[in-house]
Amino acid sequence: MGASPMVTTTPVHPEGPRYGAPIVYVPGVWLGPQVWQPAASYLGHRGWAGMLVDARAVPGGIDARAAAVSAHLAALPAAPVLIGHDAGALVALAMATRMDVRAMVLLAPLCPGAPATHALTWSGGLVWSLLRRRPVAPPAGPVGDAFFADLPAALRRTIGNEDPRLLAQLARRSAIVRPVRMPPTLVLHGGADPILPRDEALRFARDVGAESLELPGRGHWLLAAGAWQDCGDRVHRWLVQRLGETILELYAEAMADREDDGDE
């Protein structure tokens, strides 16, 4: 199965590639890859190559997106690190059942059917949208205000509509499928996230067999809102600590090549 024409990727070029696995950034509902740009550039400065994924054109729910993105990434030269935000965390988990993954960081994952997730994704017109296959606008009113509260103004202008099948899947309680061979995984959540309460975050991490870390006082948009550099540093440190020396293989090769050039 080749690359999907419904998936696009934007490369993140590091300032001196250092690590032997690229980072694939998977966005969540109602926003595209722009939400990752500051943090991806920052991690690129630390030596991480990567790519920003846009799968909004893929019809269907989580599994459909995971299948399309996995197929699109089939030609990657090395197993990637996946970083997924809210619904993108569920897509990343589903991708890890289809392809080799070095590690995952799941940021503020949406818990299917949980009260806050249901309030966010369910609306009176969703059934009609499902029947007509019409995209659904982002939530307005108190729910929308809370969800987008700490999203910078520039990113708010990129908010778009969402596939009703994805929203319907998120609105109902369902088991989260985890890979048989779970890679090192971190669930990172904000202590002030209006969509993911602490008990839900801890339950999610326990259900998928992941480590968990709470960032006190932080909201839902951990790598796009204020103090995102601190979050990026924590992600960087965790990846290096969990993957160890093997993740430096690209850097070691670059250093060896440099030494060989110097001997000539």
Protein backbone atom coordinates (compact mmCIF):
# COMPACT_ATOMS: atom_id res chain seq x y z
CA MET A 1 0.00 0.00 0.00
CA GLY A 2 1.55 3.28 -1.08
CA ALA A 3 1.39 6.84 0.15
CA SER A 4 -2.09 8.19 0.65
CA PRO A 5 -3.02 11.24 -1.45
CA MET A 6 -5.31 12.31 1.41
CA VAL A 7 -2.36 12.69 3.81
CA THR A 8 0.19 15.45 3.50
CA THR A 9 3.38 15.93 5.49
CA THR A 10 5.59 18.95 6.08
CA PRO A 11 9.23 18.17 6.91
CA VAL A 12 10.97 19.58 9.96
CA HIS A 13 14.65 20.03 9.18
CA PRO A 14 16.92 19.92 12.24
CA GLU A 15 19.83 22.25 12.82
CA GLY A 16 22.38 19.45 12.70
CA PRO A 17 20.59 16.06 12.78
CA ARG A 18 21.42 14.30 16.02
CA TYR A 19 18.96 11.47 16.56
CA GLY A 20 18.30 8.21 14.77
CA ALA A 21 14.51 8.46 14.67
CA PRO A 22 12.30 11.20 13.20
CA ILE A 23 9.39 12.62 15.16
CA VAL A 24 5.96 12.40 13.53
CA TYR A 25 3.55 15.02 14.90
CA VAL A 26 -0.14 14.02 14.78
CA PRO A 27 -2.71 16.78 15.49
CA GLY A 28 -6.12 16.32 17.06
CA VAL A 29 -9.61 17.60 16.29
CA TRP A 30 -10.45 20.83 14.44
CA LEU A 31 -6.83 21.91 13.91
CA GLY A 32 -4.15 21.04 11.42
CA PRO A 33 -0.36 20.77 11.56
CA GLN A 34 0.12 24.50 12.28
CA VAL A 35 -0.48 23.72 15.94
CA TRP A 36 2.86 21.90 16.05
CA GLN A 37 5.03 24.44 14.25
CA PRO A 38 6.66 26.27 17.22
CA ALA A 39 7.40 23.11 19.22
CA ALA A 40 8.55 21.11 16.18
CA SER A 41 10.95 23.89 15.21
CA TYR A 42 12.21 24.03 18.78
CA LEU A 43 12.84 20.29 18.89
CA GLY A 44 14.41 20.57 15.45
CA HIS A 45 16.84 23.03 17.01
CA ARG A 46 17.66 20.30 19.53
CA GLY A 47 18.51 17.94 16.68
CA TRP A 48 15.24 16.11 15.99
CA ALA A 49 14.21 15.65 12.37
CA GLY A 50 10.49 15.23 11.86
CA MET A 51 7.34 15.82 9.91
CA LEU A 52 4.01 17.48 10.54
CA VAL A 53 1.06 15.33 9.49
CA ASP A 54 -2.21 16.60 8.03
CA ALA A 55 -4.86 13.88 7.73
CA ARG A 56 -7.99 16.04 7.82
CA ALA A 57 -8.93 14.94 4.29
CA VAL A 58 -9.10 11.28 5.32
CA PRO A 59 -12.77 10.28 5.65
CA GLY A 60 -13.77 8.27 8.70
CA GLY A 61 -12.62 7.92 12.28
CA ILE A 62 -9.48 7.09 14.21
CA ASP A 63 -8.71 3.79 12.47
CA ALA A 64 -9.13 5.32 9.02
CA ARG A 65 -6.68 8.11 9.83
CA ALA A 66 -4.21 5.72 11.42
CA ALA A 67 -4.28 3.42 8.40
CA ALA A 68 -3.84 6.29 5.93
CA VAL A 69 -1.01 7.94 7.85
CA SER A 70 0.78 4.62 8.46
CA ALA A 71 0.62 3.82 4.75
CA HIS A 72 1.88 7.29 3.90
CA LEU A 73 4.88 6.82 6.20
CA ALA A 74 5.73 3.31 5.01
CA ALA A 75 8.87 4.51 3.24
CA LEU A 76 10.45 6.09 6.32
CA PRO A 77 14.05 4.87 6.67
CA ALA A 78 13.71 4.38 10.44
CA ALA A 79 10.94 3.69 12.93
CA PRO A 80 9.64 7.07 14.15
CA VAL A 81 8.71 8.61 17.45
CA LEU A 82 5.02 9.55 17.45
CA ILE A 83 3.75 12.64 19.27
CA GLY A 84 -0.04 12.88 19.19
CA HIS A 85 -2.31 15.52 20.71
CA ASP A 86 -5.88 14.90 21.96
CA ALA A 87 -7.56 12.75 19.25
CA GLY A 88 -4.14 12.56 17.59
CA ALA A 89 -2.99 10.55 20.62
CA LEU A 90 -5.59 7.89 19.75
CA VAL A 91 -4.49 7.97 16.11
CA ALA A 92 -0.88 7.48 17.24
CA LEU A 93 -1.86 4.45 19.34
CA ALA A 94 -3.69 2.95 16.37
CA MET A 95 -0.69 3.66 14.13
CA ALA A 96 1.52 1.72 16.53
CA THR A 97 -0.58 -1.39 15.83
CA ARG A 98 0.30 -1.08 12.13
CA MET A 99 3.95 0.00 12.04
CA ASP A 100 7.16 -0.07 14.04
CA VAL A 101 7.39 2.83 16.48
CA ARG A 102 10.36 3.73 18.69
CA ALA A 103 8.38 5.66 21.31
CA MET A 104 5.19 7.66 21.78
CA VAL A 105 4.31 10.86 23.62
CA LEU A 106 0.55 11.26 24.03
CA LEU A 107 -0.35 14.85 24.89
CA ALA A 108 -3.70 15.58 26.60
CA PRO A 109 -5.36 12.51 25.03
CA LEU A 110 -9.10 12.53 24.57
CA CYS A 111 -10.77 9.66 26.43
CA PRO A 112 -13.60 8.30 24.26
CA GLY A 113 -16.97 8.67 25.93
CA ALA A 114 -15.67 10.44 29.03
CA PRO A 115 -18.01 13.24 30.17
CA ALA A 116 -15.81 16.12 29.03
CA THR A 117 -15.00 14.44 25.71
CA HIS A 118 -18.68 13.72 25.09
CA ALA A 119 -19.62 17.33 25.84
CA LEU A 120 -16.91 18.51 23.44
CA THR A 121 -17.72 16.24 20.50
CA TRP A 122 -21.48 15.60 20.72
CA SER A 123 -24.03 18.09 19.45
CA GLY A 124 -27.67 18.06 18.49
CA GLY A 125 -26.80 18.22 14.80
CA LEU A 126 -24.18 15.47 14.81
CA VAL A 127 -26.60 12.71 13.78
CA TRP A 128 -27.79 14.81 10.84
CA SER A 129 -24.17 15.52 9.90
CA LEU A 130 -23.42 11.78 10.02
CA LEU A 131 -26.32 11.01 7.72
CA ARG A 132 -25.35 13.72 5.25
CA ARG A 133 -21.57 13.20 5.68
CA ARG A 134 -21.22 16.90 6.34
CA PRO A 135 -18.26 18.26 8.34
CA VAL A 136 -18.97 19.65 11.80
CA ALA A 137 -17.97 23.11 12.98
CA PRO A 138 -15.97 23.47 16.21
CA PRO A 139 -17.92 23.89 19.44
CA ALA A 140 -19.14 27.33 20.47
CA GLY A 141 -20.35 28.67 23.77
CA PRO A 142 -18.87 27.66 27.15
CA VAL A 143 -17.55 24.30 25.91
CA GLY A 144 -15.71 25.86 22.98
CA ASP A 145 -14.44 28.73 25.10
CA ALA A 146 -12.98 26.26 27.63
CA PHE A 147 -11.49 23.98 24.96
CA PHE A 148 -9.75 26.75 23.00
CA ALA A 149 -9.04 28.97 26.02
CA ASP A 150 -5.22 28.84 25.96
CA LEU A 151 -4.82 28.49 22.19
CA PRO A 152 -2.91 31.48 20.76
CA ALA A 153 -4.92 33.85 18.55
CA ALA A 154 -2.87 33.03 15.43
CA LEU A 155 -3.76 29.35 15.77
CA ARG A 156 -7.42 30.09 16.45
CA ARG A 157 -7.61 31.47 12.93
CA THR A 158 -6.65 28.03 11.56
CA ILE A 159 -9.53 26.17 13.25
CA GLY A 160 -11.64 24.26 10.72
CA ASN A 161 -14.44 21.72 10.51
CA GLU A 162 -14.17 18.05 11.47
CA ASP A 163 -15.38 14.72 10.12
CA PRO A 164 -18.59 13.71 11.96
CA ARG A 165 -17.51 10.04 12.08
CA LEU A 166 -14.44 10.93 14.10
CA LEU A 167 -16.52 13.03 16.50
CA ALA A 168 -19.12 10.28 16.91
CA GLN A 169 -16.39 7.79 17.72
CA LEU A 170 -14.96 10.10 20.35
CA ALA A 171 -18.37 10.81 21.87
CA ARG A 172 -19.13 7.20 22.79
CA ARG A 173 -17.38 5.07 25.37
CA SER A 174 -15.12 2.50 23.77
CA ALA A 175 -12.04 0.49 24.65
CA ILE A 176 -8.69 1.90 23.56
CA VAL A 177 -6.76 -0.59 21.46
CA ARG A 178 -3.10 -0.72 22.39
CA PRO A 179 -0.29 -2.37 20.42
CA VAL A 180 0.70 -5.91 21.37
CA ARG A 181 4.28 -4.70 21.71
CA MET A 182 3.90 -1.36 23.41
CA PRO A 183 6.86 1.00 22.82
CA PRO A 184 8.01 3.33 25.60
CA THR A 185 5.10 5.73 26.01
CA LEU A 186 4.46 8.89 28.02
CA VAL A 187 1.06 10.43 28.71
CA LEU A 188 1.61 14.13 29.36
CA HIS A 189 -1.31 16.19 30.67
CA GLY A 190 -1.96 19.61 32.12
CA GLY A 191 -3.19 20.03 35.66
CA ALA A 192 -5.71 22.66 34.48
CA ASP A 193 -6.94 20.87 31.35
CA PRO A 194 -10.74 21.35 31.18
CA ILE A 195 -11.15 18.33 28.89
CA LEU A 196 -8.86 15.81 30.63
CA PRO A 197 -9.23 15.69 34.43
CA ARG A 198 -6.39 14.15 36.41
CA ASP A 199 -8.24 10.90 37.17
CA GLU A 200 -9.05 10.38 33.48
CA ALA A 201 -5.44 11.05 32.49
CA LEU A 202 -4.12 8.55 35.03
CA ARG A 203 -6.70 5.95 33.97
CA PHE A 204 -5.78 6.44 30.32
CA ALA A 205 -2.07 5.98 31.08
CA ARG A 206 -2.78 2.87 33.14
CA ASP A 207 -5.01 1.36 30.45
CA VAL A 208 -2.37 1.69 27.74
CA GLY A 209 0.60 0.83 29.99
CA ALA A 210 2.24 4.24 29.77
CA GLU A 211 4.11 6.50 32.14
CA SER A 212 2.29 9.67 33.13
CA LEU A 213 3.43 13.18 33.91
CA GLU A 214 1.33 16.17 34.94
CA LEU A 215 2.31 19.75 34.20
CA PRO A 216 0.75 21.84 37.01
CA GLY A 217 -1.34 24.79 35.91
CA ARG A 218 -1.19 23.89 32.22
CA GLY A 219 -4.24 23.56 29.99
CA HIS A 220 -5.05 21.49 26.94
CA TRP A 221 -2.65 22.93 24.35
CA LEU A 222 0.61 21.82 25.94
CA LEU A 223 2.92 22.42 22.97
CA ALA A 224 1.10 25.42 21.50
CA ALA A 225 0.21 27.69 24.44
CA GLY A 226 2.29 29.61 26.98
CA ALA A 227 5.37 27.91 28.45
CA TRP A 228 5.39 25.36 25.64
CA GLN A 229 9.20 25.40 25.64
CA ASP A 230 9.19 23.85 29.10
CA CYS A 231 6.91 21.10 27.79
CA GLY A 232 9.19 20.63 24.78
CA ASP A 233 12.20 20.27 27.09
CA ARG A 234 10.39 17.61 29.12
CA VAL A 235 9.49 15.68 25.97
CA HIS A 236 13.09 15.90 24.76
CA ARG A 237 14.55 14.72 28.07
CA TRP A 238 12.09 11.84 28.38
CA LEU A 239 12.84 10.59 24.87
CA VAL A 240 16.60 10.70 25.39
CA GLN A 241 16.32 9.00 28.79
CA ARG A 242 14.02 6.22 27.59
CA LEU A 243 15.68 5.51 24.25
CA GLY A 244 19.24 5.85 25.49
CA GLU A 245 22.32 5.55 23.33
CA THR A 246 20.51 3.87 20.44
CA ILE A 247 18.75 7.12 19.60
CA LEU A 248 22.13 8.79 19.07
CA GLU A 249 23.10 6.46 16.25
CA LEU A 250 22.63 9.14 13.59
CA TYR A 251 24.79 11.56 15.57
CA ALA A 252 27.49 8.90 16.01
CA GLU A 253 27.51 8.26 12.26
CA ALA A 254 27.83 11.99 11.56
CA MET A 255 30.74 12.27 13.99
CA ALA A 256 32.47 9.26 12.42
CA ASP A 257 32.11 10.78 8.95
CA ARG A 258 33.54 14.05 10.22
CA GLU A 259 36.55 12.26 11.72
CA ASP A 260 37.11 10.35 8.48
CA ASP A 261 37.07 13.64 6.55
CA GLY A 262 39.62 15.07 8.94
CA ASP A 263 42.01 12.14 8.39
CA GLU A 264 42.12 12.69 4.65
